């Protein structure tokens, strides 16, 4: 047995190194996968927030357009009244 170890010690060390390296790599991959999941969740939240903001912006623009049309109609009405009084 000692003869086998002394003859193949470099191969045993290499296999041990590979096992350690594979274990550390697996842990790092696991941590990276967790980080990616967190980033995906944050991105999803940002996309959802952006979409909500765009919907609100569209609604506000529509309301502003209605208000502008009403203001224009009021001014046109006032101008017609002035024309009737002056004319």
PDB file of N, CA and C in Angstrom:
ATOM      1  N   UNK A   1       0.829  -1.192   0.000  1.00  0.00           N
ATOM      2  CA  UNK A   1       0.000   0.000   0.000  1.00  0.00           C
ATOM      3  C   UNK A   1       0.876   1.258   0.000  1.00  0.00           C
ATOM      4  N   UNK A   2       1.892   1.305   0.876  1.00  0.00           N
ATOM      5  CA  UNK A   2       2.796   2.452   0.892  1.00  0.00           C
ATOM      6  C   UNK A   2       3.580   2.543  -0.403  1.00  0.00           C
ATOM      7  N   UNK A   3       3.862   1.398  -0.958  1.00  0.00           N
ATOM      8  CA  UNK A   3       4.574   1.378  -2.224  1.00  0.00           C
ATOM      9  C   UNK A   3       3.712   2.007  -3.327  1.00  0.00           C
ATOM     10  N   UNK A   4       2.390   1.698  -3.305  1.00  0.00           N
ATOM     11  CA  UNK A   4       1.440   2.261  -4.269  1.00  0.00           C
ATOM     12  C   UNK A   4       1.336   3.767  -4.091  1.00  0.00           C
ATOM     13  N   UNK A   5       1.276   4.230  -2.832  1.00  0.00           N
ATOM     14  CA  UNK A   5       1.188   5.673  -2.561  1.00  0.00           C
ATOM     15  C   UNK A   5       2.451   6.389  -3.005  1.00  0.00           C
ATOM     16  N   UNK A   6       3.591   5.831  -2.704  1.00  0.00           N
ATOM     17  CA  UNK A   6       4.848   6.498  -3.068  1.00  0.00           C
ATOM     18  C   UNK A   6       5.048   6.513  -4.575  1.00  0.00           C
ATOM     19  N   UNK A   7       4.521   5.526  -5.264  1.00  0.00           N
ATOM     20  CA  UNK A   7       4.685   5.471  -6.716  1.00  0.00           C
ATOM     21  C   UNK A   7       3.728   6.447  -7.414  1.00  0.00           C
ATOM     22  N   UNK A   8       2.514   6.561  -6.906  1.00  0.00           N
ATOM     23  CA  UNK A   8       1.488   7.359  -7.596  1.00  0.00           C
ATOM     24  C   UNK A   8       1.082   8.602  -6.798  1.00  0.00           C
ATOM     25  N   UNK A   9       1.949   9.129  -5.954  1.00  0.00           N
ATOM     26  CA  UNK A   9       1.582  10.269  -5.120  1.00  0.00           C
ATOM     27  C   UNK A   9       1.216  11.487  -5.945  1.00  0.00           C
ATOM     28  N   UNK A  10       1.897  11.719  -7.063  1.00  0.00           N
ATOM     29  CA  UNK A  10       1.585  12.895  -7.890  1.00  0.00           C
ATOM     30  C   UNK A  10       0.202  12.771  -8.535  1.00  0.00           C
ATOM     31  N   UNK A  11      -0.187  11.559  -8.909  1.00  0.00           N
ATOM     32  CA  UNK A  11      -1.513  11.364  -9.471  1.00  0.00           C
ATOM     33  C   UNK A  11      -2.596  11.535  -8.396  1.00  0.00           C
ATOM     34  N   UNK A  12      -2.324  11.054  -7.217  1.00  0.00           N
ATOM     35  CA  UNK A  12      -3.262  11.203  -6.098  1.00  0.00           C
ATOM     36  C   UNK A  12      -3.416  12.680  -5.742  1.00  0.00           C
ATOM     37  N   UNK A  13      -2.303  13.401  -5.705  1.00  0.00           N
ATOM     38  CA  UNK A  13      -2.353  14.847  -5.418  1.00  0.00           C
ATOM     39  C   UNK A  13      -3.140  15.581  -6.510  1.00  0.00           C
ATOM     40  N   UNK A  14      -2.929  15.190  -7.764  1.00  0.00           N
ATOM     41  CA  UNK A  14      -3.631  15.827  -8.872  1.00  0.00           C
ATOM     42  C   UNK A  14      -5.133  15.575  -8.766  1.00  0.00           C
ATOM     43  N   UNK A  15      -5.523  14.350  -8.452  1.00  0.00           N
ATOM     44  CA  UNK A  15      -6.942  14.026  -8.292  1.00  0.00           C
ATOM     45  C   UNK A  15      -7.529  14.804  -7.116  1.00  0.00           C
ATOM     46  N   UNK A  16      -6.785  14.895  -6.026  1.00  0.00           N
ATOM     47  CA  UNK A  16      -7.241  15.689  -4.884  1.00  0.00           C
ATOM     48  C   UNK A  16      -7.411  17.151  -5.252  1.00  0.00           C
ATOM     49  N   UNK A  17      -6.450  17.686  -6.010  1.00  0.00           N
ATOM     50  CA  UNK A  17      -6.546  19.066  -6.478  1.00  0.00           C
ATOM     51  C   UNK A  17      -7.786  19.249  -7.348  1.00  0.00           C
ATOM     52  N   UNK A  18      -8.045  18.305  -8.236  1.00  0.00           N
ATOM     53  CA  UNK A  18      -9.223  18.401  -9.101  1.00  0.00           C
ATOM     54  C   UNK A  18     -10.522  18.395  -8.300  1.00  0.00           C
ATOM     55  N   UNK A  19     -10.562  17.577  -7.257  1.00  0.00           N
ATOM     56  CA  UNK A  19     -11.762  17.521  -6.414  1.00  0.00           C
ATOM     57  C   UNK A  19     -11.972  18.854  -5.702  1.00  0.00           C
ATOM     58  N   UNK A  20     -10.899  19.417  -5.151  1.00  0.00           N
ATOM     59  CA  UNK A  20     -10.995  20.715  -4.475  1.00  0.00           C
ATOM     60  C   UNK A  20     -11.408  21.788  -5.465  1.00  0.00           C
ATOM     61  N   UNK A  21     -10.782  21.783  -6.627  1.00  0.00           N
ATOM     62  CA  UNK A  21     -11.087  22.794  -7.651  1.00  0.00           C
ATOM     63  C   UNK A  21     -12.546  22.673  -8.107  1.00  0.00           C
ATOM     64  N   UNK A  22     -13.018  21.440  -8.326  1.00  0.00           N
ATOM     65  CA  UNK A  22     -14.396  21.233  -8.770  1.00  0.00           C
ATOM     66  C   UNK A  22     -15.392  21.697  -7.703  1.00  0.00           C
ATOM     67  N   UNK A  23     -15.080  21.425  -6.441  1.00  0.00           N
ATOM     68  CA  UNK A  23     -15.956  21.838  -5.342  1.00  0.00           C
ATOM     69  C   UNK A  23     -16.025  23.362  -5.239  1.00  0.00           C
ATOM     70  N   UNK A  24     -14.874  24.005  -5.323  1.00  0.00           N
ATOM     71  CA  UNK A  24     -14.861  25.478  -5.249  1.00  0.00           C
ATOM     72  C   UNK A  24     -15.572  26.085  -6.449  1.00  0.00           C
ATOM     73  N   UNK A  25     -15.354  25.490  -7.615  1.00  0.00           N
ATOM     74  CA  UNK A  25     -16.022  25.997  -8.818  1.00  0.00           C
ATOM     75  C   UNK A  25     -17.533  25.857  -8.695  1.00  0.00           C
ATOM     76  N   UNK A  26     -17.979  24.750  -8.150  1.00  0.00           N
ATOM     77  CA  UNK A  26     -19.419  24.537  -7.970  1.00  0.00           C
ATOM     78  C   UNK A  26     -20.001  25.563  -7.012  1.00  0.00           C
ATOM     79  N   UNK A  27     -19.286  25.868  -5.940  1.00  0.00           N
ATOM     80  CA  UNK A  27     -19.754  26.880  -4.986  1.00  0.00           C
ATOM     81  C   UNK A  27     -19.814  28.252  -5.647  1.00  0.00           C
ATOM     82  N   UNK A  28     -18.799  28.572  -6.445  1.00  0.00           N
ATOM     83  CA  UNK A  28     -18.783  29.867  -7.123  1.00  0.00           C
ATOM     84  C   UNK A  28     -19.921  29.968  -8.132  1.00  0.00           C
ATOM     85  N   UNK A  29     -20.167  28.884  -8.845  1.00  0.00           N
ATOM     86  CA  UNK A  29     -21.276  28.879  -9.804  1.00  0.00           C
ATOM     87  C   UNK A  29     -22.602  29.057  -9.081  1.00  0.00           C
ATOM     88  N   UNK A  30     -22.751  28.408  -7.949  1.00  0.00           N
ATOM     89  CA  UNK A  30     -23.971  28.548  -7.164  1.00  0.00           C
ATOM     90  C   UNK A  30     -24.170  29.997  -6.719  1.00  0.00           C
ATOM     91  N   UNK A  31     -23.100  30.634  -6.258  1.00  0.00           N
ATOM     92  CA  UNK A  31     -23.193  32.043  -5.845  1.00  0.00           C
ATOM     93  C   UNK A  31     -23.517  32.935  -7.035  1.00  0.00           C
ATOM     94  N   UNK A  32     -22.904  32.658  -8.176  1.00  0.00           N
ATOM     95  CA  UNK A  32     -23.183  33.452  -9.372  1.00  0.00           C
ATOM     96  C   UNK A  32     -24.635  33.284  -9.821  1.00  0.00           C
ATOM     97  N   UNK A  33     -25.159  32.079  -9.705  1.00  0.00           N
ATOM     98  CA  UNK A  33     -26.559  31.854 -10.067  1.00  0.00           C
ATOM     99  C   UNK A  33     -27.486  32.638  -9.147  1.00  0.00           C
ATOM    100  N   UNK A  34     -27.144  32.712  -7.862  1.00  0.00           N
ATOM    101  CA  UNK A  34     -27.940  33.513  -6.928  1.00  0.00           C
ATOM    102  C   UNK A  34     -27.880  34.983  -7.304  1.00  0.00           C
ATOM    103  N   UNK A  35     -26.684  35.460  -7.654  1.00  0.00           N
ATOM    104  CA  UNK A  35     -26.528  36.853  -8.063  1.00  0.00           C
ATOM    105  C   UNK A  35     -27.331  37.151  -9.316  1.00  0.00           C
ATOM    106  N   UNK A  36     -27.301  36.236 -10.277  1.00  0.00           N
ATOM    107  CA  UNK A  36     -28.063  36.427 -11.507  1.00  0.00           C
ATOM    108  C   UNK A  36     -29.557  36.479 -11.200  1.00  0.00           C
ATOM    109  N   UNK A  37     -30.011  35.621 -10.316  1.00  0.00           N
ATOM    110  CA  UNK A  37     -31.437  35.618  -9.927  1.00  0.00           C
ATOM    111  C   UNK A  37     -31.830  36.955  -9.304  1.00  0.00           C
ATOM    112  N   UNK A  38     -30.965  37.471  -8.432  1.00  0.00           N
ATOM    113  CA  UNK A  38     -31.236  38.779  -7.807  1.00  0.00           C
ATOM    114  C   UNK A  38     -31.295  39.864  -8.867  1.00  0.00           C
ATOM    115  N   UNK A  39     -30.344  39.841  -9.797  1.00  0.00           N
ATOM    116  CA  UNK A  39     -30.328  40.848 -10.857  1.00  0.00           C
ATOM    117  C   UNK A  39     -31.553  40.730 -11.764  1.00  0.00           C
ATOM    118  N   UNK A  40     -31.982  39.508 -12.047  1.00  0.00           N
ATOM    119  CA  UNK A  40     -33.191  39.320 -12.856  1.00  0.00           C
ATOM    120  C   UNK A  40     -34.418  39.866 -12.132  1.00  0.00           C
ATOM    121  N   UNK A  41     -34.499  39.638 -10.834  1.00  0.00           N
ATOM    122  CA  UNK A  41     -35.621  40.166 -10.058  1.00  0.00           C
ATOM    123  C   UNK A  41     -35.628  41.691 -10.063  1.00  0.00           C
ATOM    124  N   UNK A  42     -34.445  42.286  -9.881  1.00  0.00           N
ATOM    125  CA  UNK A  42     -34.355  43.744  -9.904  1.00  0.00           C
ATOM    126  C   UNK A  42     -34.719  44.292 -11.276  1.00  0.00           C
ATOM    127  N   UNK A  43     -34.248  43.632 -12.314  1.00  0.00           N
ATOM    128  CA  UNK A  43     -34.572  44.068 -13.671  1.00  0.00           C
ATOM    129  C   UNK A  43     -36.071  43.965 -13.923  1.00  0.00           C
ATOM    130  N   UNK A  44     -36.660  42.891 -13.460  1.00  0.00           N
ATOM    131  CA  UNK A  44     -38.103  42.712 -13.631  1.00  0.00           C
ATOM    132  C   UNK A  44     -38.880  43.814 -12.914  1.00  0.00           C
ATOM    133  N   UNK A  45     -38.446  44.151 -11.701  1.00  0.00           N
ATOM    134  CA  UNK A  45     -39.106  45.233 -10.962  1.00  0.00           C
ATOM    135  C   UNK A  45     -38.950  46.565 -11.690  1.00  0.00           C
ATOM    136  N   UNK A  46     -37.753  46.815 -12.233  1.00  0.00           N
ATOM    137  CA  UNK A  46     -37.531  48.067 -12.956  1.00  0.00           C
ATOM    138  C   UNK A  46     -38.351  48.136 -14.229  1.00  0.00           C
ATOM    139  N   UNK A  47     -38.481  47.019 -14.925  1.00  0.00           N
ATOM    140  CA  UNK A  47     -39.296  46.987 -16.140  1.00  0.00           C
ATOM    141  C   UNK A  47     -40.759  47.249 -15.784  1.00  0.00           C
ATOM    142  N   UNK A  48     -41.225  46.631 -14.714  1.00  0.00           N
ATOM    143  CA  UNK A  48     -42.609  46.830 -14.284  1.00  0.00           C
ATOM    144  C   UNK A  48     -42.843  48.288 -13.887  1.00  0.00           C
ATOM    145  N   UNK A  49     -41.909  48.885 -13.149  1.00  0.00           N
ATOM    146  CA  UNK A  49     -42.046  50.279 -12.732  1.00  0.00           C
ATOM    147  C   UNK A  49     -42.063  51.187 -13.955  1.00  0.00           C
ATOM    148  N   UNK A  50     -41.167  50.918 -14.901  1.00  0.00           N
ATOM    149  CA  UNK A  50     -41.094  51.732 -16.115  1.00  0.00           C
ATOM    150  C   UNK A  50     -42.395  51.640 -16.901  1.00  0.00           C
ATOM    151  N   UNK A  51     -42.943  50.444 -16.994  1.00  0.00           N
ATOM    152  CA  UNK A  51     -44.201  50.270 -17.710  1.00  0.00           C
ATOM    153  C   UNK A  51     -45.330  51.040 -17.015  1.00  0.00           C
ATOM    154  N   UNK A  52     -45.361  50.995 -15.689  1.00  0.00           N
ATOM    155  CA  UNK A  52     -46.379  51.738 -14.947  1.00  0.00           C
ATOM    156  C   UNK A  52     -46.233  53.240 -15.180  1.00  0.00           C
ATOM    157  N   UNK A  53     -44.979  53.708 -15.180  1.00  0.00           N
ATOM    158  CA  UNK A  53     -44.744  55.125 -15.404  1.00  0.00           C
ATOM    159  C   UNK A  53     -45.166  55.537 -16.815  1.00  0.00           C
ATOM    160  N   UNK A  54     -44.913  54.679 -17.792  1.00  0.00           N
ATOM    161  CA  UNK A  54     -45.329  54.986 -19.160  1.00  0.00           C
ATOM    162  C   UNK A  54     -46.850  55.042 -19.268  1.00  0.00           C
ATOM    163  N   UNK A  55     -47.522  54.125 -18.589  1.00  0.00           N
ATOM    164  CA  UNK A  55     -48.988  54.139 -18.614  1.00  0.00           C
ATOM    165  C   UNK A  55     -49.524  55.415 -17.973  1.00  0.00           C
ATOM    166  N   UNK A  56     -48.912  55.821 -16.849  1.00  0.00           N
ATOM    167  CA  UNK A  56     -49.342  57.060 -16.189  1.00  0.00           C
ATOM    168  C   UNK A  56     -49.084  58.266 -17.089  1.00  0.00           C
ATOM    169  N   UNK A  57     -47.934  58.250 -17.781  1.00  0.00           N
ATOM    170  CA  UNK A  57     -47.590  59.348 -18.667  1.00  0.00           C
ATOM    171  C   UNK A  57     -48.581  59.459 -19.815  1.00  0.00           C
ATOM    172  N   UNK A  58     -48.965  58.337 -20.384  1.00  0.00           N
ATOM    173  CA  UNK A  58     -49.955  58.343 -21.463  1.00  0.00           C
ATOM    174  C   UNK A  58     -51.281  58.893 -20.950  1.00  0.00           C
ATOM    175  N   UNK A  59     -51.675  58.488 -19.758  1.00  0.00           N
ATOM    176  CA  UNK A  59     -52.928  58.964 -19.183  1.00  0.00           C
ATOM    177  C   UNK A  59     -52.868  60.478 -18.935  1.00  0.00           C
ATOM    178  N   UNK A  60     -51.731  60.947 -18.385  1.00  0.00           N
ATOM    179  CA  UNK A  60     -51.592  62.377 -18.132  1.00  0.00           C
ATOM    180  C   UNK A  60     -51.592  63.183 -19.424  1.00  0.00           C
ATOM    181  N   UNK A  61     -50.958  62.661 -20.459  1.00  0.00           N
ATOM    182  CA  UNK A  61     -50.955  63.357 -21.752  1.00  0.00           C
ATOM    183  C   UNK A  61     -52.369  63.437 -22.318  1.00  0.00           C
ATOM    184  N   UNK A  62     -53.127  62.373 -22.174  1.00  0.00           N
ATOM    185  CA  UNK A  62     -54.512  62.385 -22.649  1.00  0.00           C
ATOM    186  C   UNK A  62     -55.333  63.418 -21.881  1.00  0.00           C
ATOM    187  N   UNK A  63     -55.146  63.447 -20.562  1.00  0.00           N
ATOM    188  CA  UNK A  63     -55.860  64.432 -19.747  1.00  0.00           C
ATOM    189  C   UNK A  63     -55.438  65.855 -20.122  1.00  0.00           C
ATOM    190  N   UNK A  64     -54.154  66.049 -20.383  1.00  0.00           N
ATOM    191  CA  UNK A  64     -53.673  67.378 -20.772  1.00  0.00           C
ATOM    192  C   UNK A  64     -54.258  67.789 -22.125  1.00  0.00           C
ATOM    193  N   UNK A  65     -54.339  66.837 -23.056  1.00  0.00           N
ATOM    194  CA  UNK A  65     -54.938  67.141 -24.358  1.00  0.00           C
ATOM    195  C   UNK A  65     -56.404  67.560 -24.204  1.00  0.00           C
ATOM    196  N   UNK A  66     -57.129  66.859 -23.345  1.00  0.00           N
ATOM    197  CA  UNK A  66     -58.538  67.215 -23.101  1.00  0.00           C
ATOM    198  C   UNK A  66     -58.618  68.614 -22.494  1.00  0.00           C
ATOM    199  N   UNK A  67     -57.767  68.879 -21.514  1.00  0.00           N
ATOM    200  CA  UNK A  67     -57.778  70.204 -20.880  1.00  0.00           C
ATOM    201  C   UNK A  67     -57.425  71.291 -21.891  1.00  0.00           C
ATOM    202  N   UNK A  68     -56.445  71.038 -22.753  1.00  0.00           N
ATOM    203  CA  UNK A  68     -56.068  72.027 -23.775  1.00  0.00           C
ATOM    204  C   UNK A  68     -57.200  72.288 -24.761  1.00  0.00           C
ATOM    205  N   UNK A  69     -57.910  71.218 -25.145  1.00  0.00           N
ATOM    206  CA  UNK A  69     -59.063  71.397 -26.047  1.00  0.00           C
ATOM    207  C   UNK A  69     -60.171  72.199 -25.366  1.00  0.00           C
ATOM    208  N   UNK A  70     -60.382  71.943 -24.074  1.00  0.00           N
ATOM    209  CA  UNK A  70     -61.405  72.696 -23.347  1.00  0.00           C
ATOM    210  C   UNK A  70     -61.009  74.160 -23.229  1.00  0.00           C
ATOM    211  N   UNK A  71     -59.751  74.429 -22.951  1.00  0.00           N
ATOM    212  CA  UNK A  71     -59.279  75.822 -22.857  1.00  0.00           C
ATOM    213  C   UNK A  71     -59.438  76.517 -24.201  1.00  0.00           C
ATOM    214  N   UNK A  72     -59.074  75.808 -25.274  1.00  0.00           N
ATOM    215  CA  UNK A  72     -59.217  76.387 -26.612  1.00  0.00           C
ATOM    216  C   UNK A  72     -60.686  76.677 -26.908  1.00  0.00           C
ATOM    217  N   UNK A  73     -61.564  75.772 -26.539  1.00  0.00           N
ATOM    218  CA  UNK A  73     -63.002  75.976 -26.779  1.00  0.00           C
ATOM    219  C   UNK A  73     -63.511  77.174 -25.981  1.00  0.00           C
ATOM    220  N   UNK A  74     -63.047  77.331 -24.751  1.00  0.00           N
ATOM    221  CA  UNK A  74     -63.469  78.473 -23.924  1.00  0.00           C
ATOM    222  C   UNK A  74     -63.002  79.777 -24.558  1.00  0.00           C
ATOM    223  N   UNK A  75     -61.734  79.817 -25.016  1.00  0.00           N
ATOM    224  CA  UNK A  75     -61.234  81.040 -25.636  1.00  0.00           C
ATOM    225  C   UNK A  75     -61.982  81.354 -26.935  1.00  0.00           C
ATOM    226  N   UNK A  76     -62.294  80.330 -27.685  1.00  0.00           N
ATOM    227  CA  UNK A  76     -63.068  80.556 -28.915  1.00  0.00           C
ATOM    228  C   UNK A  76     -64.452  81.106 -28.579  1.00  0.00           C
ATOM    229  N   UNK A  77     -65.058  80.591 -27.536  1.00  0.00           N
ATOM    230  CA  UNK A  77     -66.360  81.084 -27.096  1.00  0.00           C
ATOM    231  C   UNK A  77     -66.257  82.543 -26.653  1.00  0.00           C
ATOM    232  N   UNK A  78     -65.211  82.869 -25.875  1.00  0.00           N
ATOM    233  CA  UNK A  78     -65.020  84.246 -25.407  1.00  0.00           C
ATOM    234  C   UNK A  78     -64.802  85.178 -26.581  1.00  0.00           C
ATOM    235  N   UNK A  79     -64.002  84.741 -27.534  1.00  0.00           N
ATOM    236  CA  UNK A  79     -63.758  85.584 -28.721  1.00  0.00           C
ATOM    237  C   UNK A  79     -65.029  85.797 -29.528  1.00  0.00           C
ATOM    238  N   UNK A  80     -65.880  84.778 -29.630  1.00  0.00           N
ATOM    239  CA  UNK A  80     -67.161  84.940 -30.341  1.00  0.00           C
ATOM    240  C   UNK A  80     -68.056  85.926 -29.617  1.00  0.00           C
ATOM    241  N   UNK A  81     -68.068  85.866 -28.273  1.00  0.00           N
ATOM    242  CA  UNK A  81     -68.869  86.826 -27.494  1.00  0.00           C
ATOM    243  C   UNK A  81     -68.358  88.241 -27.709  1.00  0.00           C
ATOM    244  N   UNK A  82     -67.042  88.415 -27.703  1.00  0.00           N
ATOM    245  CA  UNK A  82     -66.466  89.751 -27.928  1.00  0.00           C
ATOM    246  C   UNK A  82     -66.821  90.270 -29.314  1.00  0.00           C
ATOM    247  N   UNK A  83     -66.756  89.364 -30.299  1.00  0.00           N
ATOM    248  CA  UNK A  83     -67.092  89.773 -31.668  1.00  0.00           C
ATOM    249  C   UNK A  83     -68.562  90.192 -31.749  1.00  0.00           C
ATOM    250  N   UNK A  84     -69.443  89.506 -31.038  1.00  0.00           N
ATOM    251  CA  UNK A  84     -70.870  89.856 -31.057  1.00  0.00           C
ATOM    252  C   UNK A  84     -71.101  91.203 -30.366  1.00  0.00           C
ATOM    253  N   UNK A  85     -70.364  91.448 -29.266  1.00  0.00           N
ATOM    254  CA  UNK A  85     -70.554  92.719 -28.556  1.00  0.00           C
ATOM    255  C   UNK A  85     -69.952  93.867 -29.325  1.00  0.00           C
ATOM    256  N   UNK A  86     -68.830  93.634 -29.923  1.00  0.00           N
ATOM    257  CA  UNK A  86     -68.149  94.713 -30.643  1.00  0.00           C
ATOM    258  C   UNK A  86     -68.723  94.951 -32.027  1.00  0.00           C
ATOM    259  N   UNK A  87     -69.350  93.971 -32.552  1.00  0.00           N
ATOM    260  CA  UNK A  87     -69.765  94.057 -33.940  1.00  0.00           C
ATOM    261  C   UNK A  87     -71.152  94.399 -34.127  1.00  0.00           C
TER     262      UNK A  87
END
